[in-house]
Amino acid sequence: MLPLVIDEQQVFTFKFWFGDQIQTGMHFQHELFCQLGTVDLQQRSQLYQQACKLTQQGTVLIITCTKNHCHLWGSLRDETIKQTLLAPHVPPMRSLFGTLPPDLHSSPSGSPGSNPQPS
């Protein structure tokens, strides 16, 4: 199983409350997802490579892309994703991927649901 990569204009996004904070969610093909992180478009291949490793373990992930960024989304039905979102003070991408490769860091957009990595 490989992560799906789609144009972000094809999904419906919304905000919701989970884990004592506001999250960004999306609806795609009768499934609900939570935004786990954002990277610059130039880091798309690294994000995809890391997402492939997780989907091979059964985690349901989607990557959406805009002109400038890629967003990683995890299924809200997936127990790994739920536990990741509930982890205190750990950005979801760091929690899922462990130590991120030096060339894969979330962009500091500062918007709710985005998860900038500490310097």
PDB file of N, CA and C in Angstrom:
ATOM      1  N   MET A   1       0.838  -1.182   0.000  1.00  0.00           N
ATOM      2  CA  MET A   1       0.000   0.000   0.000  1.00  0.00           C
ATOM      3  C   MET A   1       0.884   1.246   0.000  1.00  0.00           C
ATOM      4  N   LEU A   2       0.565   2.182  -0.864  1.00  0.00           N
ATOM      5  CA  LEU A   2       1.324   3.428  -0.970  1.00  0.00           C
ATOM      6  C   LEU A   2       0.435   4.605  -0.599  1.00  0.00           C
ATOM      7  N   PRO A   3       1.032   5.686  -0.090  1.00  0.00           N
ATOM      8  CA  PRO A   3       0.216   6.869   0.223  1.00  0.00           C
ATOM      9  C   PRO A   3      -0.280   7.528  -1.068  1.00  0.00           C
ATOM     10  N   LEU A   4      -1.489   7.990  -1.030  1.00  0.00           N
ATOM     11  CA  LEU A   4      -2.081   8.689  -2.158  1.00  0.00           C
ATOM     12  C   LEU A   4      -1.568  10.122  -2.173  1.00  0.00           C
ATOM     13  N   VAL A   5      -1.233  10.647  -3.346  1.00  0.00           N
ATOM     14  CA  VAL A   5      -0.813  12.046  -3.494  1.00  0.00           C
ATOM     15  C   VAL A   5      -1.838  12.724  -4.391  1.00  0.00           C
ATOM     16  N   ILE A   6      -2.483  13.770  -3.853  1.00  0.00           N
ATOM     17  CA  ILE A   6      -3.549  14.437  -4.602  1.00  0.00           C
ATOM     18  C   ILE A   6      -3.416  15.955  -4.506  1.00  0.00           C
ATOM     19  N   ASP A   7      -4.069  16.629  -5.438  1.00  0.00           N
ATOM     20  CA  ASP A   7      -4.126  18.089  -5.429  1.00  0.00           C
ATOM     21  C   ASP A   7      -5.036  18.516  -4.278  1.00  0.00           C
ATOM     22  N   GLU A   8      -4.591  19.458  -3.486  1.00  0.00           N
ATOM     23  CA  GLU A   8      -5.355  19.864  -2.311  1.00  0.00           C
ATOM     24  C   GLU A   8      -6.712  20.464  -2.659  1.00  0.00           C
ATOM     25  N   GLN A   9      -6.884  20.935  -3.880  1.00  0.00           N
ATOM     26  CA  GLN A   9      -8.170  21.483  -4.293  1.00  0.00           C
ATOM     27  C   GLN A   9      -9.251  20.408  -4.397  1.00  0.00           C
ATOM     28  N   GLN A  10      -8.868  19.132  -4.352  1.00  0.00           N
ATOM     29  CA  GLN A  10      -9.820  18.035  -4.474  1.00  0.00           C
ATOM     30  C   GLN A  10     -10.377  17.583  -3.126  1.00  0.00           C
ATOM     31  N   VAL A  11      -9.965  18.238  -2.036  1.00  0.00           N
ATOM     32  CA  VAL A  11     -10.419  17.803  -0.709  1.00  0.00           C
ATOM     33  C   VAL A  11     -11.174  18.926  -0.017  1.00  0.00           C
ATOM     34  N   PHE A  12     -11.985  18.543   0.961  1.00  0.00           N
ATOM     35  CA  PHE A  12     -12.721  19.491   1.789  1.00  0.00           C
ATOM     36  C   PHE A  12     -12.021  19.549   3.144  1.00  0.00           C
ATOM     37  N   THR A  13     -11.567  20.748   3.558  1.00  0.00           N
ATOM     38  CA  THR A  13     -10.897  20.899   4.853  1.00  0.00           C
ATOM     39  C   THR A  13     -11.827  21.562   5.863  1.00  0.00           C
ATOM     40  N   PHE A  14     -11.556  21.300   7.133  1.00  0.00           N
ATOM     41  CA  PHE A  14     -12.360  21.851   8.214  1.00  0.00           C
ATOM     42  C   PHE A  14     -11.515  21.862   9.487  1.00  0.00           C
ATOM     43  N   LYS A  15     -12.014  22.507  10.514  1.00  0.00           N
ATOM     44  CA  LYS A  15     -11.350  22.543  11.826  1.00  0.00           C
ATOM     45  C   LYS A  15     -12.171  21.707  12.801  1.00  0.00           C
ATOM     46  N   PHE A  16     -11.472  21.043  13.741  1.00  0.00           N
ATOM     47  CA  PHE A  16     -12.153  20.270  14.773  1.00  0.00           C
ATOM     48  C   PHE A  16     -11.295  20.225  16.031  1.00  0.00           C
ATOM     49  N   TRP A  17     -11.915  19.845  17.133  1.00  0.00           N
ATOM     50  CA  TRP A  17     -11.256  19.798  18.435  1.00  0.00           C
ATOM     51  C   TRP A  17     -10.859  18.358  18.733  1.00  0.00           C
ATOM     52  N   PHE A  18      -9.571  18.121  19.023  1.00  0.00           N
ATOM     53  CA  PHE A  18      -9.082  16.789  19.379  1.00  0.00           C
ATOM     54  C   PHE A  18      -7.790  16.933  20.164  1.00  0.00           C
ATOM     55  N   GLY A  19      -7.652  16.173  21.233  1.00  0.00           N
ATOM     56  CA  GLY A  19      -6.420  16.225  22.015  1.00  0.00           C
ATOM     57  C   GLY A  19      -6.178  17.581  22.642  1.00  0.00           C
ATOM     58  N   ASP A  20      -7.239  18.240  23.101  1.00  0.00           N
ATOM     59  CA  ASP A  20      -7.149  19.544  23.759  1.00  0.00           C
ATOM     60  C   ASP A  20      -6.627  20.666  22.873  1.00  0.00           C
ATOM     61  N   GLN A  21      -6.795  20.540  21.558  1.00  0.00           N
ATOM     62  CA  GLN A  21      -6.421  21.641  20.672  1.00  0.00           C
ATOM     63  C   GLN A  21      -7.201  21.573  19.362  1.00  0.00           C
ATOM     64  N   ILE A  22      -7.203  22.670  18.646  1.00  0.00           N
ATOM     65  CA  ILE A  22      -7.867  22.742  17.354  1.00  0.00           C
ATOM     66  C   ILE A  22      -6.961  22.094  16.317  1.00  0.00           C
ATOM     67  N   GLN A  23      -7.545  21.186  15.546  1.00  0.00           N
ATOM     68  CA  GLN A  23      -6.821  20.477  14.490  1.00  0.00           C
ATOM     69  C   GLN A  23      -7.417  20.857  13.138  1.00  0.00           C
ATOM     70  N   THR A  24      -6.641  20.667  12.075  1.00  0.00           N
ATOM     71  CA  THR A  24      -7.153  20.814  10.721  1.00  0.00           C
ATOM     72  C   THR A  24      -7.462  19.425  10.196  1.00  0.00           C
ATOM     73  N   GLY A  25      -8.677  19.260   9.713  1.00  0.00           N
ATOM     74  CA  GLY A  25      -9.083  17.980   9.168  1.00  0.00           C
ATOM     75  C   GLY A  25      -9.465  18.101   7.715  1.00  0.00           C
ATOM     76  N   MET A  26      -9.636  16.963   7.083  1.00  0.00           N
ATOM     77  CA  MET A  26     -10.120  16.949   5.699  1.00  0.00           C
ATOM     78  C   MET A  26     -10.959  15.709   5.478  1.00  0.00           C
ATOM     79  N   HIS A  27     -11.830  15.834   4.506  1.00  0.00           N
ATOM     80  CA  HIS A  27     -12.701  14.733   4.103  1.00  0.00           C
ATOM     81  C   HIS A  27     -12.324  14.365   2.675  1.00  0.00           C
ATOM     82  N   PHE A  28     -12.058  13.073   2.470  1.00  0.00           N
ATOM     83  CA  PHE A  28     -11.738  12.605   1.120  1.00  0.00           C
ATOM     84  C   PHE A  28     -12.224  11.165   0.986  1.00  0.00           C
ATOM     85  N   GLN A  29     -13.030  10.904  -0.013  1.00  0.00           N
ATOM     86  CA  GLN A  29     -13.562   9.574  -0.319  1.00  0.00           C
ATOM     87  C   GLN A  29     -14.150   8.878   0.915  1.00  0.00           C
ATOM     88  N   HIS A  30     -15.062   9.541   1.575  1.00  0.00           N
ATOM     89  CA  HIS A  30     -15.796   8.987   2.718  1.00  0.00           C
ATOM     90  C   HIS A  30     -14.906   8.676   3.918  1.00  0.00           C
ATOM     91  N   GLU A  31     -13.775   9.333   4.023  1.00  0.00           N
ATOM     92  CA  GLU A  31     -12.848   9.112   5.138  1.00  0.00           C
ATOM     93  C   GLU A  31     -12.455  10.467   5.717  1.00  0.00           C
ATOM     94  N   LEU A  32     -12.243  10.518   7.037  1.00  0.00           N
ATOM     95  CA  LEU A  32     -11.798  11.738   7.706  1.00  0.00           C
ATOM     96  C   LEU A  32     -10.317  11.619   8.055  1.00  0.00           C
ATOM     97  N   PHE A  33      -9.588  12.697   7.822  1.00  0.00           N
ATOM     98  CA  PHE A  33      -8.151  12.743   8.060  1.00  0.00           C
ATOM     99  C   PHE A  33      -7.803  13.960   8.901  1.00  0.00           C
ATOM    100  N   CYS A  34      -6.660  13.897   9.573  1.00  0.00           N
ATOM    101  CA  CYS A  34      -6.131  15.015  10.340  1.00  0.00           C
ATOM    102  C   CYS A  34      -4.785  15.419   9.742  1.00  0.00           C
ATOM    103  N   GLN A  35      -4.557  16.730   9.642  1.00  0.00           N
ATOM    104  CA  GLN A  35      -3.282  17.213   9.124  1.00  0.00           C
ATOM    105  C   GLN A  35      -2.189  16.959  10.157  1.00  0.00           C
ATOM    106  N   LEU A  36      -1.141  16.291   9.727  1.00  0.00           N
ATOM    107  CA  LEU A  36      -0.038  15.936  10.617  1.00  0.00           C
ATOM    108  C   LEU A  36       1.168  16.850  10.465  1.00  0.00           C
ATOM    109  N   GLY A  37       1.279  17.502   9.324  1.00  0.00           N
ATOM    110  CA  GLY A  37       2.411  18.394   9.111  1.00  0.00           C
ATOM    111  C   GLY A  37       2.409  18.977   7.716  1.00  0.00           C
ATOM    112  N   THR A  38       3.277  19.956   7.523  1.00  0.00           N
ATOM    113  CA  THR A  38       3.406  20.668   6.257  1.00  0.00           C
ATOM    114  C   THR A  38       4.882  20.804   5.926  1.00  0.00           C
ATOM    115  N   VAL A  39       5.223  20.562   4.670  1.00  0.00           N
ATOM    116  CA  VAL A  39       6.599  20.755   4.208  1.00  0.00           C
ATOM    117  C   VAL A  39       6.581  21.569   2.920  1.00  0.00           C
ATOM    118  N   ASP A  40       7.712  22.174   2.585  1.00  0.00           N
ATOM    119  CA  ASP A  40       7.841  22.882   1.320  1.00  0.00           C
ATOM    120  C   ASP A  40       7.735  21.887   0.170  1.00  0.00           C
ATOM    121  N   LEU A  41       7.261  22.345  -0.971  1.00  0.00           N
ATOM    122  CA  LEU A  41       7.071  21.491  -2.134  1.00  0.00           C
ATOM    123  C   LEU A  41       8.370  20.784  -2.536  1.00  0.00           C
ATOM    124  N   GLN A  42       9.512  21.440  -2.347  1.00  0.00           N
ATOM    125  CA  GLN A  42      10.796  20.840  -2.700  1.00  0.00           C
ATOM    126  C   GLN A  42      11.100  19.591  -1.871  1.00  0.00           C
ATOM    127  N   GLN A  43      10.418  19.418  -0.742  1.00  0.00           N
ATOM    128  CA  GLN A  43      10.648  18.263   0.129  1.00  0.00           C
ATOM    129  C   GLN A  43       9.619  17.151  -0.087  1.00  0.00           C
ATOM    130  N   ARG A  44       8.862  17.269  -1.158  1.00  0.00           N
ATOM    131  CA  ARG A  44       7.791  16.303  -1.435  1.00  0.00           C
ATOM    132  C   ARG A  44       8.306  14.873  -1.544  1.00  0.00           C
ATOM    133  N   SER A  45       9.414  14.672  -2.236  1.00  0.00           N
ATOM    134  CA  SER A  45       9.911  13.301  -2.413  1.00  0.00           C
ATOM    135  C   SER A  45      10.378  12.698  -1.093  1.00  0.00           C
ATOM    136  N   GLN A  46      10.982  13.511  -0.217  1.00  0.00           N
ATOM    137  CA  GLN A  46      11.406  13.005   1.087  1.00  0.00           C
ATOM    138  C   GLN A  46      10.194  12.665   1.948  1.00  0.00           C
ATOM    139  N   LEU A  47       9.164  13.513   1.903  1.00  0.00           N
ATOM    140  CA  LEU A  47       7.937  13.251   2.643  1.00  0.00           C
ATOM    141  C   LEU A  47       7.287  11.966   2.144  1.00  0.00           C
ATOM    142  N   TYR A  48       7.237  11.801   0.837  1.00  0.00           N
ATOM    143  CA  TYR A  48       6.641  10.606   0.254  1.00  0.00           C
ATOM    144  C   TYR A  48       7.400   9.349   0.678  1.00  0.00           C
ATOM    145  N   GLN A  49       8.707   9.423   0.675  1.00  0.00           N
ATOM    146  CA  GLN A  49       9.534   8.280   1.077  1.00  0.00           C
ATOM    147  C   GLN A  49       9.247   7.878   2.522  1.00  0.00           C
ATOM    148  N   GLN A  50       9.162   8.851   3.426  1.00  0.00           N
ATOM    149  CA  GLN A  50       8.863   8.567   4.829  1.00  0.00           C
ATOM    150  C   GLN A  50       7.436   8.031   4.981  1.00  0.00           C
ATOM    151  N   ALA A  51       6.504   8.606   4.225  1.00  0.00           N
ATOM    152  CA  ALA A  51       5.112   8.149   4.289  1.00  0.00           C
ATOM    153  C   ALA A  51       4.986   6.714   3.779  1.00  0.00           C
ATOM    154  N   CYS A  52       5.770   6.348   2.772  1.00  0.00           N
ATOM    155  CA  CYS A  52       5.746   4.973   2.258  1.00  0.00           C
ATOM    156  C   CYS A  52       6.132   3.976   3.339  1.00  0.00           C
ATOM    157  N   LYS A  53       7.120   4.315   4.135  1.00  0.00           N
ATOM    158  CA  LYS A  53       7.552   3.423   5.219  1.00  0.00           C
ATOM    159  C   LYS A  53       6.414   3.171   6.205  1.00  0.00           C
ATOM    160  N   LEU A  54       5.659   4.227   6.520  1.00  0.00           N
ATOM    161  CA  LEU A  54       4.553   4.080   7.463  1.00  0.00           C
ATOM    162  C   LEU A  54       3.371   3.329   6.866  1.00  0.00           C
ATOM    163  N   THR A  55       3.073   3.572   5.600  1.00  0.00           N
ATOM    164  CA  THR A  55       1.933   2.877   4.996  1.00  0.00           C
ATOM    165  C   THR A  55       2.228   1.387   4.854  1.00  0.00           C
ATOM    166  N   GLN A  56       3.473   1.023   4.711  1.00  0.00           N
ATOM    167  CA  GLN A  56       3.819  -0.396   4.652  1.00  0.00           C
ATOM    168  C   GLN A  56       3.555  -1.083   5.992  1.00  0.00           C
ATOM    169  N   GLN A  57       3.497  -0.301   7.065  1.00  0.00           N
ATOM    170  CA  GLN A  57       3.186  -0.834   8.390  1.00  0.00           C
ATOM    171  C   GLN A  57       1.682  -0.775   8.673  1.00  0.00           C
ATOM    172  N   GLY A  58       0.906  -0.288   7.696  1.00  0.00           N
ATOM    173  CA  GLY A  58      -0.541  -0.272   7.837  1.00  0.00           C
ATOM    174  C   GLY A  58      -1.157   1.080   8.172  1.00  0.00           C
ATOM    175  N   THR A  59      -0.356   2.120   8.364  1.00  0.00           N
ATOM    176  CA  THR A  59      -0.882   3.449   8.656  1.00  0.00           C
ATOM    177  C   THR A  59      -1.472   4.053   7.384  1.00  0.00           C
ATOM    178  N   VAL A  60      -2.670   4.619   7.485  1.00  0.00           N
ATOM    179  CA  VAL A  60      -3.352   5.197   6.329  1.00  0.00           C
ATOM    180  C   VAL A  60      -3.002   6.679   6.229  1.00  0.00           C
ATOM    181  N   LEU A  61      -2.265   7.046   5.176  1.00  0.00           N
ATOM    182  CA  LEU A  61      -1.797   8.424   4.976  1.00  0.00           C
ATOM    183  C   LEU A  61      -2.141   8.913   3.585  1.00  0.00           C
ATOM    184  N   ILE A  62      -2.340  10.222   3.484  1.00  0.00           N
ATOM    185  CA  ILE A  62      -2.516  10.908   2.200  1.00  0.00           C
ATOM    186  C   ILE A  62      -1.621  12.137   2.214  1.00  0.00           C
ATOM    187  N   ILE A  63      -1.065  12.464   1.066  1.00  0.00           N
ATOM    188  CA  ILE A  63      -0.299  13.697   0.889  1.00  0.00           C
ATOM    189  C   ILE A  63      -1.075  14.573  -0.082  1.00  0.00           C
ATOM    190  N   THR A  64      -1.334  15.823   0.320  1.00  0.00           N
ATOM    191  CA  THR A  64      -1.947  16.782  -0.596  1.00  0.00           C
ATOM    192  C   THR A  64      -0.915  17.844  -0.920  1.00  0.00           C
ATOM    193  N   CYS A  65      -1.023  18.391  -2.126  1.00  0.00           N
ATOM    194  CA  CYS A  65      -0.049  19.391  -2.564  1.00  0.00           C
ATOM    195  C   CYS A  65      -0.748  20.640  -3.097  1.00  0.00           C
ATOM    196  N   THR A  66      -0.121  21.776  -2.814  1.00  0.00           N
ATOM    197  CA  THR A  66      -0.508  23.063  -3.385  1.00  0.00           C
ATOM    198  C   THR A  66       0.661  23.514  -4.247  1.00  0.00           C
ATOM    199  N   LYS A  67       0.654  24.748  -4.697  1.00  0.00           N
ATOM    200  CA  LYS A  67       1.775  25.270  -5.488  1.00  0.00           C
ATOM    201  C   LYS A  67       3.068  25.316  -4.689  1.00  0.00           C
ATOM    202  N   ASN A  68       2.948  25.541  -3.359  1.00  0.00           N
ATOM    203  CA  ASN A  68       4.145  25.773  -2.545  1.00  0.00           C
ATOM    204  C   ASN A  68       4.402  24.746  -1.454  1.00  0.00           C
ATOM    205  N   HIS A  69       3.384  23.989  -1.047  1.00  0.00           N
ATOM    206  CA  HIS A  69       3.526  23.109   0.109  1.00  0.00           C
ATOM    207  C   HIS A  69       2.898  21.740  -0.120  1.00  0.00           C
ATOM    208  N   CYS A  70       3.321  20.805   0.708  1.00  0.00           N
ATOM    209  CA  CYS A  70       2.696  19.489   0.777  1.00  0.00           C
ATOM    210  C   CYS A  70       2.251  19.277   2.213  1.00  0.00           C
ATOM    211  N   HIS A  71       1.071  18.706   2.376  1.00  0.00           N
ATOM    212  CA  HIS A  71       0.535  18.415   3.699  1.00  0.00           C
ATOM    213  C   HIS A  71       0.410  16.907   3.868  1.00  0.00           C
ATOM    214  N   LEU A  72       0.764  16.429   5.029  1.00  0.00           N
ATOM    215  CA  LEU A  72       0.615  15.023   5.350  1.00  0.00           C
ATOM    216  C   LEU A  72      -0.626  14.861   6.215  1.00  0.00           C
ATOM    217  N   TRP A  73      -1.480  13.918   5.851  1.00  0.00           N
ATOM    218  CA  TRP A  73      -2.745  13.675   6.535  1.00  0.00           C
ATOM    219  C   TRP A  73      -2.811  12.220   6.970  1.00  0.00           C
ATOM    220  N   GLY A  74      -3.336  11.977   8.158  1.00  0.00           N
ATOM    221  CA  GLY A  74      -3.511  10.619   8.654  1.00  0.00           C
ATOM    222  C   GLY A  74      -4.975  10.341   8.931  1.00  0.00           C
ATOM    223  N   SER A  75      -5.407   9.119   8.651  1.00  0.00           N
ATOM    224  CA  SER A  75      -6.795   8.726   8.880  1.00  0.00           C
ATOM    225  C   SER A  75      -7.130   8.775  10.360  1.00  0.00           C
ATOM    226  N   LEU A  76      -8.270   9.364  10.681  1.00  0.00           N
ATOM    227  CA  LEU A  76      -8.698   9.433  12.078  1.00  0.00           C
ATOM    228  C   LEU A  76      -9.203   8.091  12.594  1.00  0.00           C
ATOM    229  N   ARG A  77      -9.341   7.102  11.737  1.00  0.00           N
ATOM    230  CA  ARG A  77      -9.706   5.756  12.183  1.00  0.00           C
ATOM    231  C   ARG A  77      -8.472   4.957  12.612  1.00  0.00           C
ATOM    232  N   ASP A  78      -7.310   5.418  12.230  1.00  0.00           N
ATOM    233  CA  ASP A  78      -6.060   4.699  12.482  1.00  0.00           C
ATOM    234  C   ASP A  78      -5.599   4.920  13.921  1.00  0.00           C
ATOM    235  N   GLU A  79      -5.400   3.852  14.672  1.00  0.00           N
ATOM    236  CA  GLU A  79      -4.985   3.963  16.076  1.00  0.00           C
ATOM    237  C   GLU A  79      -3.625   4.647  16.219  1.00  0.00           C
ATOM    238  N   THR A  80      -2.707   4.402  15.285  1.00  0.00           N
ATOM    239  CA  THR A  80      -1.391   5.052  15.338  1.00  0.00           C
ATOM    240  C   THR A  80      -1.532   6.561  15.241  1.00  0.00           C
ATOM    241  N   ILE A  81      -2.413   7.006  14.373  1.00  0.00           N
ATOM    242  CA  ILE A  81      -2.635   8.444  14.201  1.00  0.00           C
ATOM    243  C   ILE A  81      -3.267   9.023  15.461  1.00  0.00           C
ATOM    244  N   LYS A  82      -4.257   8.346  16.029  1.00  0.00           N
ATOM    245  CA  LYS A  82      -4.895   8.842  17.255  1.00  0.00           C
ATOM    246  C   LYS A  82      -3.875   8.991  18.378  1.00  0.00           C
ATOM    247  N   GLN A  83      -3.030   7.990  18.558  1.00  0.00           N
ATOM    248  CA  GLN A  83      -2.022   8.050  19.621  1.00  0.00           C
ATOM    249  C   GLN A  83      -1.009   9.157  19.348  1.00  0.00           C
ATOM    250  N   THR A  84      -0.676   9.361  18.081  1.00  0.00           N
ATOM    251  CA  THR A  84       0.258  10.430  17.699  1.00  0.00           C
ATOM    252  C   THR A  84      -0.318  11.790  18.044  1.00  0.00           C
ATOM    253  N   LEU A  85      -1.604  11.989  17.768  1.00  0.00           N
ATOM    254  CA  LEU A  85      -2.240  13.273  18.045  1.00  0.00           C
ATOM    255  C   LEU A  85      -2.384  13.536  19.539  1.00  0.00           C
ATOM    256  N   LEU A  86      -2.457  12.480  20.327  1.00  0.00           N
ATOM    257  CA  LEU A  86      -2.605  12.636  21.772  1.00  0.00           C
ATOM    258  C   LEU A  86      -1.266  12.758  22.501  1.00  0.00           C
ATOM    259  N   ALA A  87      -0.157  12.539  21.796  1.00  0.00           N
ATOM    260  CA  ALA A  87       1.164  12.641  22.427  1.00  0.00           C
ATOM    261  C   ALA A  87       1.412  14.088  22.851  1.00  0.00           C
ATOM    262  N   PRO A  88       1.692  14.318  24.139  1.00  0.00           N
ATOM    263  CA  PRO A  88       1.860  15.687  24.620  1.00  0.00           C
ATOM    264  C   PRO A  88       3.153  16.328  24.117  1.00  0.00           C
ATOM    265  N   HIS A  89       3.009  17.528  23.568  1.00  0.00           N
ATOM    266  CA  HIS A  89       4.144  18.374  23.199  1.00  0.00           C
ATOM    267  C   HIS A  89       5.087  17.752  22.177  1.00  0.00           C
ATOM    268  N   VAL A  90       4.604  16.812  21.369  1.00  0.00           N
ATOM    269  CA  VAL A  90       5.429  16.221  20.321  1.00  0.00           C
ATOM    270  C   VAL A  90       4.727  16.459  18.991  1.00  0.00           C
ATOM    271  N   PRO A  91       5.356  17.195  18.068  1.00  0.00           N
ATOM    272  CA  PRO A  91       4.724  17.410  16.763  1.00  0.00           C
ATOM    273  C   PRO A  91       4.435  16.065  16.093  1.00  0.00           C
ATOM    274  N   PRO A  92       3.258  15.894  15.485  1.00  0.00           N
ATOM    275  CA  PRO A  92       2.876  14.601  14.912  1.00  0.00           C
ATOM    276  C   PRO A  92       3.885  14.012  13.932  1.00  0.00           C
ATOM    277  N   MET A  93       4.483  14.827  13.060  1.00  0.00           N
ATOM    278  CA  MET A  93       5.432  14.256  12.105  1.00  0.00           C
ATOM    279  C   MET A  93       6.653  13.699  12.831  1.00  0.00           C
ATOM    280  N   ARG A  94       7.109  14.367  13.870  1.00  0.00           N
ATOM    281  CA  ARG A  94       8.257  13.865  14.629  1.00  0.00           C
ATOM    282  C   ARG A  94       7.869  12.589  15.370  1.00  0.00           C
ATOM    283  N   SER A  95       6.660  12.549  15.906  1.00  0.00           N
ATOM    284  CA  SER A  95       6.187  11.373  16.622  1.00  0.00           C
ATOM    285  C   SER A  95       6.083  10.166  15.681  1.00  0.00           C
ATOM    286  N   LEU A  96       5.580  10.379  14.469  1.00  0.00           N
ATOM    287  CA  LEU A  96       5.424   9.281  13.513  1.00  0.00           C
ATOM    288  C   LEU A  96       6.748   8.823  12.927  1.00  0.00           C
ATOM    289  N   PHE A  97       7.580   9.781  12.525  1.00  0.00           N
ATOM    290  CA  PHE A  97       8.807   9.449  11.809  1.00  0.00           C
ATOM    291  C   PHE A  97      10.008   9.293  12.728  1.00  0.00           C
ATOM    292  N   GLY A  98       9.842   9.597  14.036  1.00  0.00           N
ATOM    293  CA  GLY A  98      10.998   9.564  14.937  1.00  0.00           C
ATOM    294  C   GLY A  98      11.876  10.760  14.622  1.00  0.00           C
ATOM    295  N   THR A  99      13.148  10.537  14.447  1.00  0.00           N
ATOM    296  CA  THR A  99      14.062  11.611  14.072  1.00  0.00           C
ATOM    297  C   THR A  99      13.891  11.868  12.585  1.00  0.00           C
ATOM    298  N   LEU A 100      13.528  13.094  12.236  1.00  0.00           N
ATOM    299  CA  LEU A 100      13.334  13.434  10.833  1.00  0.00           C
ATOM    300  C   LEU A 100      14.669  13.585  10.137  1.00  0.00           C
ATOM    301  N   PRO A 101      14.751  13.148   8.862  1.00  0.00           N
ATOM    302  CA  PRO A 101      15.966  13.409   8.109  1.00  0.00           C
ATOM    303  C   PRO A 101      16.217  14.911   8.060  1.00  0.00           C
ATOM    304  N   PRO A 102      17.480  15.344   8.002  1.00  0.00           N
ATOM    305  CA  PRO A 102      17.777  16.780   8.049  1.00  0.00           C
ATOM    306  C   PRO A 102      17.096  17.588   6.956  1.00  0.00           C
ATOM    307  N   ASP A 103      16.783  16.952   5.826  1.00  0.00           N
ATOM    308  CA  ASP A 103      16.161  17.687   4.729  1.00  0.00           C
ATOM    309  C   ASP A 103      14.636  17.639   4.777  1.00  0.00           C
ATOM    310  N   LEU A 104      14.056  17.089   5.854  1.00  0.00           N
ATOM    311  CA  LEU A 104      12.601  17.009   5.956  1.00  0.00           C
ATOM    312  C   LEU A 104      12.144  17.637   7.255  1.00  0.00           C
ATOM    313  N   HIS A 105      11.751  18.894   7.184  1.00  0.00           N
ATOM    314  CA  HIS A 105      11.256  19.625   8.350  1.00  0.00           C
ATOM    315  C   HIS A 105       9.990  20.341   7.955  1.00  0.00           C
ATOM    316  N   SER A 106       9.056  20.389   8.853  1.00  0.00           N
ATOM    317  CA  SER A 106       7.812  21.111   8.601  1.00  0.00           C
ATOM    318  C   SER A 106       8.103  22.588   8.460  1.00  0.00           C
ATOM    319  N   SER A 107       7.364  23.235   7.575  1.00  0.00           N
ATOM    320  CA  SER A 107       7.531  24.670   7.431  1.00  0.00           C
ATOM    321  C   SER A 107       6.792  25.378   8.558  1.00  0.00           C
ATOM    322  N   PRO A 108       7.357  26.444   9.084  1.00  0.00           N
ATOM    323  CA  PRO A 108       6.738  27.154  10.216  1.00  0.00           C
ATOM    324  C   PRO A 108       5.624  28.085   9.773  1.00  0.00           C
ATOM    325  N   SER A 109       4.483  27.525   9.372  1.00  0.00           N
ATOM    326  CA  SER A 109       3.408  28.377   8.898  1.00  0.00           C
ATOM    327  C   SER A 109       2.665  29.043  10.044  1.00  0.00           C
ATOM    328  N   GLY A 110       2.678  28.395  11.230  1.00  0.00           N
ATOM    329  CA  GLY A 110       2.046  28.997  12.396  1.00  0.00           C
ATOM    330  C   GLY A 110       0.551  28.881  12.422  1.00  0.00           C
ATOM    331  N   SER A 111      -0.069  28.277  11.402  1.00  0.00           N
ATOM    332  CA  SER A 111      -1.513  28.153  11.407  1.00  0.00           C
ATOM    333  C   SER A 111      -1.927  26.936  12.207  1.00  0.00           C
ATOM    334  N   PRO A 112      -3.147  26.942  12.758  1.00  0.00           N
ATOM    335  CA  PRO A 112      -3.615  25.787  13.514  1.00  0.00           C
ATOM    336  C   PRO A 112      -3.550  24.538  12.659  1.00  0.00           C
ATOM    337  N   GLY A 113      -3.119  23.436  13.249  1.00  0.00           N
ATOM    338  CA  GLY A 113      -3.010  22.198  12.513  1.00  0.00           C
ATOM    339  C   GLY A 113      -1.657  22.003  11.871  1.00  0.00           C
ATOM    340  N   SER A 114      -0.885  23.079  11.690  1.00  0.00           N
ATOM    341  CA  SER A 114       0.468  22.917  11.163  1.00  0.00           C
ATOM    342  C   SER A 114       1.365  22.609  12.345  1.00  0.00           C
ATOM    343  N   ASN A 115       2.448  21.913  12.059  1.00  0.00           N
ATOM    344  CA  ASN A 115       3.286  21.451  13.153  1.00  0.00           C
ATOM    345  C   ASN A 115       4.740  21.752  12.870  1.00  0.00           C
ATOM    346  N   PRO A 116       5.174  23.022  13.065  1.00  0.00           N
ATOM    347  CA  PRO A 116       6.560  23.350  12.809  1.00  0.00           C
ATOM    348  C   PRO A 116       7.469  22.589  13.775  1.00  0.00           C
ATOM    349  N   GLN A 117       8.609  22.192  13.254  1.00  0.00           N
ATOM    350  CA  GLN A 117       9.598  21.472  14.047  1.00  0.00           C
ATOM    351  C   GLN A 117      10.478  22.455  14.787  1.00  0.00           C
ATOM    352  N   PRO A 118      10.879  22.127  16.008  1.00  0.00           N
ATOM    353  CA  PRO A 118      11.773  23.020  16.753  1.00  0.00           C
ATOM    354  C   PRO A 118      13.148  23.058  16.114  1.00  0.00           C
ATOM    355  N   SER A 119      13.817  24.197  16.239  1.00  0.00           N
ATOM    356  CA  SER A 119      15.146  24.353  15.641  1.00  0.00           C
ATOM    357  C   SER A 119      16.179  23.673  16.496  1.00  0.00           C
TER     358      SER A 119
END
